[in-house]
PDB file of N, CA and C in Angstrom:
ATOM      1  N   MET A   1      54.311 -26.793  31.707  1.00  0.00           N
ATOM      2  CA  MET A   1      53.048 -26.920  32.394  1.00  0.00           C
ATOM      3  C   MET A   1      52.384 -25.544  32.436  1.00  0.00           C
ATOM      4  N   LYS A   2      51.138 -25.492  32.070  1.00  0.00           N
ATOM      5  CA  LYS A   2      50.367 -24.252  32.095  1.00  0.00           C
ATOM      6  C   LYS A   2      50.033 -23.898  33.534  1.00  0.00           C
ATOM      7  N   VAL A   3      50.247 -22.644  33.897  1.00  0.00           N
ATOM      8  CA  VAL A   3      49.981 -22.203  35.262  1.00  0.00           C
ATOM      9  C   VAL A   3      48.939 -21.102  35.214  1.00  0.00           C
ATOM     10  N   THR A   4      47.945 -21.215  36.078  1.00  0.00           N
ATOM     11  CA  THR A   4      46.915 -20.196  36.193  1.00  0.00           C
ATOM     12  C   THR A   4      46.983 -19.588  37.581  1.00  0.00           C
ATOM     13  N   THR A   5      46.315 -18.483  37.762  1.00  0.00           N
ATOM     14  CA  THR A   5      46.264 -17.865  39.081  1.00  0.00           C
ATOM     15  C   THR A   5      44.837 -17.879  39.576  1.00  0.00           C
ATOM     16  N   LYS A   6      44.692 -17.931  40.864  1.00  0.00           N
ATOM     17  CA  LYS A   6      43.373 -17.919  41.489  1.00  0.00           C
ATOM     18  C   LYS A   6      43.465 -17.086  42.757  1.00  0.00           C
ATOM     19  N   ARG A   7      42.486 -16.250  42.979  1.00  0.00           N
ATOM     20  CA  ARG A   7      42.470 -15.421  44.177  1.00  0.00           C
ATOM     21  C   ARG A   7      41.809 -16.209  45.304  1.00  0.00           C
ATOM     22  N   SER A   8      42.514 -16.340  46.410  1.00  0.00           N
ATOM     23  CA  SER A   8      41.980 -17.084  47.555  1.00  0.00           C
ATOM     24  C   SER A   8      40.961 -16.233  48.301  1.00  0.00           C
ATOM     25  N   ALA A   9      40.290 -16.843  49.261  1.00  0.00           N
ATOM     26  CA  ALA A   9      39.285 -16.132  50.051  1.00  0.00           C
ATOM     27  C   ALA A   9      39.896 -14.945  50.785  1.00  0.00           C
ATOM     28  N   ALA A  10      41.174 -15.049  51.141  1.00  0.00           N
ATOM     29  CA  ALA A  10      41.846 -13.966  51.850  1.00  0.00           C
ATOM     30  C   ALA A  10      42.338 -12.879  50.894  1.00  0.00           C
ATOM     31  N   GLY A  11      42.117 -13.072  49.593  1.00  0.00           N
ATOM     32  CA  GLY A  11      42.532 -12.067  48.625  1.00  0.00           C
ATOM     33  C   GLY A  11      43.917 -12.296  48.064  1.00  0.00           C
ATOM     34  N   HIS A  12      44.590 -13.362  48.475  1.00  0.00           N
ATOM     35  CA  HIS A  12      45.910 -13.678  47.948  1.00  0.00           C
ATOM     36  C   HIS A  12      45.775 -14.376  46.599  1.00  0.00           C
ATOM     37  N   ILE A  13      46.788 -14.241  45.776  1.00  0.00           N
ATOM     38  CA  ILE A  13      46.774 -14.919  44.486  1.00  0.00           C
ATOM     39  C   ILE A  13      47.607 -16.182  44.609  1.00  0.00           C
ATOM     40  N   ASP A  14      46.969 -17.320  44.325  1.00  0.00           N
ATOM     41  CA  ASP A  14      47.637 -18.615  44.362  1.00  0.00           C
ATOM     42  C   ASP A  14      47.877 -19.074  42.929  1.00  0.00           C
ATOM     43  N   ARG A  15      49.007 -19.732  42.695  1.00  0.00           N
ATOM     44  CA  ARG A  15      49.314 -20.268  41.373  1.00  0.00           C
ATOM     45  C   ARG A  15      48.901 -21.731  41.331  1.00  0.00           C
ATOM     46  N   LEU A  16      48.166 -22.098  40.296  1.00  0.00           N
ATOM     47  CA  LEU A  16      47.695 -23.470  40.140  1.00  0.00           C
ATOM     48  C   LEU A  16      48.072 -23.991  38.762  1.00  0.00           C
ATOM     49  N   SER A  17      48.449 -25.252  38.679  1.00  0.00           N
ATOM     50  CA  SER A  17      48.613 -25.855  37.364  1.00  0.00           C
ATOM     51  C   SER A  17      47.222 -26.085  36.790  1.00  0.00           C
ATOM     52  N   PHE A  18      47.161 -26.278  35.494  1.00  0.00           N
ATOM     53  CA  PHE A  18      45.870 -26.519  34.864  1.00  0.00           C
ATOM     54  C   PHE A  18      45.220 -27.773  35.435  1.00  0.00           C
ATOM     55  N   ALA A  19      46.015 -28.816  35.661  1.00  0.00           N
ATOM     56  CA  ALA A  19      45.470 -30.059  36.221  1.00  0.00           C
ATOM     57  C   ALA A  19      44.884 -29.815  37.607  1.00  0.00           C
ATOM     58  N   ASP A  20      45.574 -29.032  38.433  1.00  0.00           N
ATOM     59  CA  ASP A  20      45.050 -28.709  39.762  1.00  0.00           C
ATOM     60  C   ASP A  20      43.747 -27.927  39.644  1.00  0.00           C
ATOM     61  N   PHE A  21      43.709 -27.012  38.701  1.00  0.00           N
ATOM     62  CA  PHE A  21      42.497 -26.231  38.500  1.00  0.00           C
ATOM     63  C   PHE A  21      41.326 -27.148  38.145  1.00  0.00           C
ATOM     64  N   ILE A  22      41.537 -28.065  37.203  1.00  0.00           N
ATOM     65  CA  ILE A  22      40.469 -28.974  36.781  1.00  0.00           C
ATOM     66  C   ILE A  22      39.997 -29.834  37.947  1.00  0.00           C
ATOM     67  N   ARG A  23      40.936 -30.319  38.749  1.00  0.00           N
ATOM     68  CA  ARG A  23      40.575 -31.183  39.876  1.00  0.00           C
ATOM     69  C   ARG A  23      39.880 -30.425  40.996  1.00  0.00           C
ATOM     70  N   ASN A  24      40.317 -29.205  41.257  1.00  0.00           N
ATOM     71  CA  ASN A  24      39.920 -28.530  42.489  1.00  0.00           C
ATOM     72  C   ASN A  24      38.942 -27.372  42.338  1.00  0.00           C
ATOM     73  N   ALA A  25      38.821 -26.808  41.158  1.00  0.00           N
ATOM     74  CA  ALA A  25      37.969 -25.626  41.002  1.00  0.00           C
ATOM     75  C   ALA A  25      36.497 -25.998  41.119  1.00  0.00           C
ATOM     76  N   LYS A  26      35.748 -25.065  41.632  1.00  0.00           N
ATOM     77  CA  LYS A  26      34.297 -25.254  41.718  1.00  0.00           C
ATOM     78  C   LYS A  26      33.696 -25.144  40.322  1.00  0.00           C
ATOM     79  N   SER A  27      32.548 -25.737  40.151  1.00  0.00           N
ATOM     80  CA  SER A  27      31.884 -25.781  38.855  1.00  0.00           C
ATOM     81  C   SER A  27      31.690 -24.385  38.264  1.00  0.00           C
ATOM     82  N   ASP A  28      31.272 -23.433  39.072  1.00  0.00           N
ATOM     83  CA  ASP A  28      31.046 -22.070  38.573  1.00  0.00           C
ATOM     84  C   ASP A  28      32.333 -21.445  38.055  1.00  0.00           C
ATOM     85  N   GLU A  29      33.447 -21.695  38.742  1.00  0.00           N
ATOM     86  CA  GLU A  29      34.733 -21.142  38.311  1.00  0.00           C
ATOM     87  C   GLU A  29      35.170 -21.789  36.998  1.00  0.00           C
ATOM     88  N   LYS A  30      34.989 -23.092  36.867  1.00  0.00           N
ATOM     89  CA  LYS A  30      35.331 -23.773  35.614  1.00  0.00           C
ATOM     90  C   LYS A  30      34.494 -23.221  34.471  1.00  0.00           C
ATOM     91  N   LYS A  31      33.201 -23.052  34.703  1.00  0.00           N
ATOM     92  CA  LYS A  31      32.318 -22.523  33.667  1.00  0.00           C
ATOM     93  C   LYS A  31      32.756 -21.129  33.244  1.00  0.00           C
ATOM     94  N   ARG A  32      33.151 -20.302  34.212  1.00  0.00           N
ATOM     95  CA  ARG A  32      33.599 -18.944  33.900  1.00  0.00           C
ATOM     96  C   ARG A  32      34.850 -18.981  33.030  1.00  0.00           C
ATOM     97  N   VAL A  33      35.812 -19.811  33.404  1.00  0.00           N
ATOM     98  CA  VAL A  33      37.067 -19.914  32.649  1.00  0.00           C
ATOM     99  C   VAL A  33      36.804 -20.488  31.260  1.00  0.00           C
ATOM    100  N   TYR A  34      35.978 -21.532  31.169  1.00  0.00           N
ATOM    101  CA  TYR A  34      35.657 -22.122  29.872  1.00  0.00           C
ATOM    102  C   TYR A  34      34.964 -21.108  28.976  1.00  0.00           C
ATOM    103  N   ARG A  35      34.049 -20.322  29.533  1.00  0.00           N
ATOM    104  CA  ARG A  35      33.330 -19.317  28.748  1.00  0.00           C
ATOM    105  C   ARG A  35      34.307 -18.282  28.190  1.00  0.00           C
ATOM    106  N   ILE A  36      35.241 -17.826  29.008  1.00  0.00           N
ATOM    107  CA  ILE A  36      36.239 -16.853  28.546  1.00  0.00           C
ATOM    108  C   ILE A  36      37.073 -17.458  27.423  1.00  0.00           C
ATOM    109  N   ALA A  37      37.527 -18.704  27.609  1.00  0.00           N
ATOM    110  CA  ALA A  37      38.346 -19.370  26.592  1.00  0.00           C
ATOM    111  C   ALA A  37      37.571 -19.538  25.287  1.00  0.00           C
ATOM    112  N   LEU A  38      36.316 -19.952  25.381  1.00  0.00           N
ATOM    113  CA  LEU A  38      35.504 -20.123  24.174  1.00  0.00           C
ATOM    114  C   LEU A  38      35.223 -18.793  23.489  1.00  0.00           C
ATOM    115  N   ASP A  39      34.966 -17.754  24.259  1.00  0.00           N
ATOM    116  CA  ASP A  39      34.735 -16.428  23.677  1.00  0.00           C
ATOM    117  C   ASP A  39      35.975 -15.942  22.927  1.00  0.00           C
ATOM    118  N   GLU A  40      37.154 -16.134  23.520  1.00  0.00           N
ATOM    119  CA  GLU A  40      38.399 -15.712  22.869  1.00  0.00           C
ATOM    120  C   GLU A  40      38.666 -16.531  21.613  1.00  0.00           C
ATOM    121  N   ALA A  41      38.417 -17.840  21.671  1.00  0.00           N
ATOM    122  CA  ALA A  41      38.621 -18.697  20.501  1.00  0.00           C
ATOM    123  C   ALA A  41      37.664 -18.308  19.378  1.00  0.00           C
ATOM    124  N   THR A  42      36.417 -18.027  19.719  1.00  0.00           N
ATOM    125  CA  THR A  42      35.429 -17.620  18.722  1.00  0.00           C
ATOM    126  C   THR A  42      35.827 -16.302  18.076  1.00  0.00           C
ATOM    127  N   LYS A  43      36.286 -15.350  18.882  1.00  0.00           N
ATOM    128  CA  LYS A  43      36.720 -14.060  18.338  1.00  0.00           C
ATOM    129  C   LYS A  43      37.895 -14.251  17.386  1.00  0.00           C
ATOM    130  N   THR A  44      38.861 -15.076  17.778  1.00  0.00           N
ATOM    131  CA  THR A  44      40.024 -15.336  16.932  1.00  0.00           C
ATOM    132  C   THR A  44      39.602 -15.969  15.611  1.00  0.00           C
ATOM    133  N   GLN A  45      38.712 -16.947  15.663  1.00  0.00           N
ATOM    134  CA  GLN A  45      38.239 -17.598  14.442  1.00  0.00           C
ATOM    135  C   GLN A  45      37.489 -16.613  13.549  1.00  0.00           C
ATOM    136  N   ASN A  46      36.656 -15.787  14.137  1.00  0.00           N
ATOM    137  CA  ASN A  46      35.917 -14.797  13.347  1.00  0.00           C
ATOM    138  C   ASN A  46      36.862 -13.797  12.699  1.00  0.00           C
ATOM    139  N   ASP A  47      37.900 -13.379  13.424  1.00  0.00           N
ATOM    140  CA  ASP A  47      38.894 -12.462  12.862  1.00  0.00           C
ATOM    141  C   ASP A  47      39.622 -13.104  11.679  1.00  0.00           C
ATOM    142  N   LEU A  48      39.993 -14.383  11.820  1.00  0.00           N
ATOM    143  CA  LEU A  48      40.671 -15.087  10.732  1.00  0.00           C
ATOM    144  C   LEU A  48      39.764 -15.233   9.514  1.00  0.00           C
ATOM    145  N   LEU A  49      38.500 -15.544   9.741  1.00  0.00           N
ATOM    146  CA  LEU A  49      37.556 -15.655   8.628  1.00  0.00           C
ATOM    147  C   LEU A  49      37.368 -14.317   7.924  1.00  0.00           C
ATOM    148  N   ALA A  50      37.266 -13.250   8.691  1.00  0.00           N
ATOM    149  CA  ALA A  50      37.113 -11.921   8.095  1.00  0.00           C
ATOM    150  C   ALA A  50      38.344 -11.569   7.266  1.00  0.00           C
ATOM    151  N   GLU A  51      39.525 -11.890   7.777  1.00  0.00           N
ATOM    152  CA  GLU A  51      40.765 -11.628   7.040  1.00  0.00           C
ATOM    153  C   GLU A  51      40.802 -12.448   5.748  1.00  0.00           C
ATOM    154  N   PHE A  52      40.413 -13.701   5.831  1.00  0.00           N
ATOM    155  CA  PHE A  52      40.380 -14.571   4.653  1.00  0.00           C
ATOM    156  C   PHE A  52      39.427 -14.017   3.596  1.00  0.00           C
ATOM    157  N   HIS A  53      38.218 -13.630   4.013  1.00  0.00           N
ATOM    158  CA  HIS A  53      37.233 -13.104   3.067  1.00  0.00           C
ATOM    159  C   HIS A  53      37.706 -11.786   2.458  1.00  0.00           C
ATOM    160  N   ALA A  54      38.385 -10.967   3.236  1.00  0.00           N
ATOM    161  CA  ALA A  54      38.913  -9.708   2.706  1.00  0.00           C
ATOM    162  C   ALA A  54      39.968  -9.983   1.636  1.00  0.00           C
ATOM    163  N   LYS A  55      40.806 -10.986   1.846  1.00  0.00           N
ATOM    164  CA  LYS A  55      41.829 -11.335   0.853  1.00  0.00           C
ATOM    165  C   LYS A  55      41.193 -11.930  -0.397  1.00  0.00           C
ATOM    166  N   GLN A  56      40.107 -12.657  -0.237  1.00  0.00           N
ATOM    167  CA  GLN A  56      39.420 -13.253  -1.382  1.00  0.00           C
ATOM    168  C   GLN A  56      38.817 -12.173  -2.277  1.00  0.00           C
ATOM    169  N   ARG A  57      38.348 -11.094  -1.672  1.00  0.00           N
ATOM    170  CA  ARG A  57      37.724 -10.000  -2.430  1.00  0.00           C
ATOM    171  C   ARG A  57      38.761  -9.126  -3.122  1.00  0.00           C
ATOM    172  N   ALA A  58      39.982  -9.131  -2.626  1.00  0.00           N
ATOM    173  CA  ALA A  58      41.029  -8.242  -3.170  1.00  0.00           C
ATOM    174  C   ALA A  58      41.585  -8.755  -4.477  1.00  0.00           C
TER     175      ALA A  58
END
């Protein structure tokens, strides 16, 4: 099970499963997490494409 962390209002870090996060997180928090995940996935894909094109030219 994937576990994420979330900082509570008191500043404590709580551990949440992904399912708990989806059920309980506020819309803004979900959007922030989704944006980070999409940005990382896009960067990874771009890196792989650049590597592929570099090998094609070699």
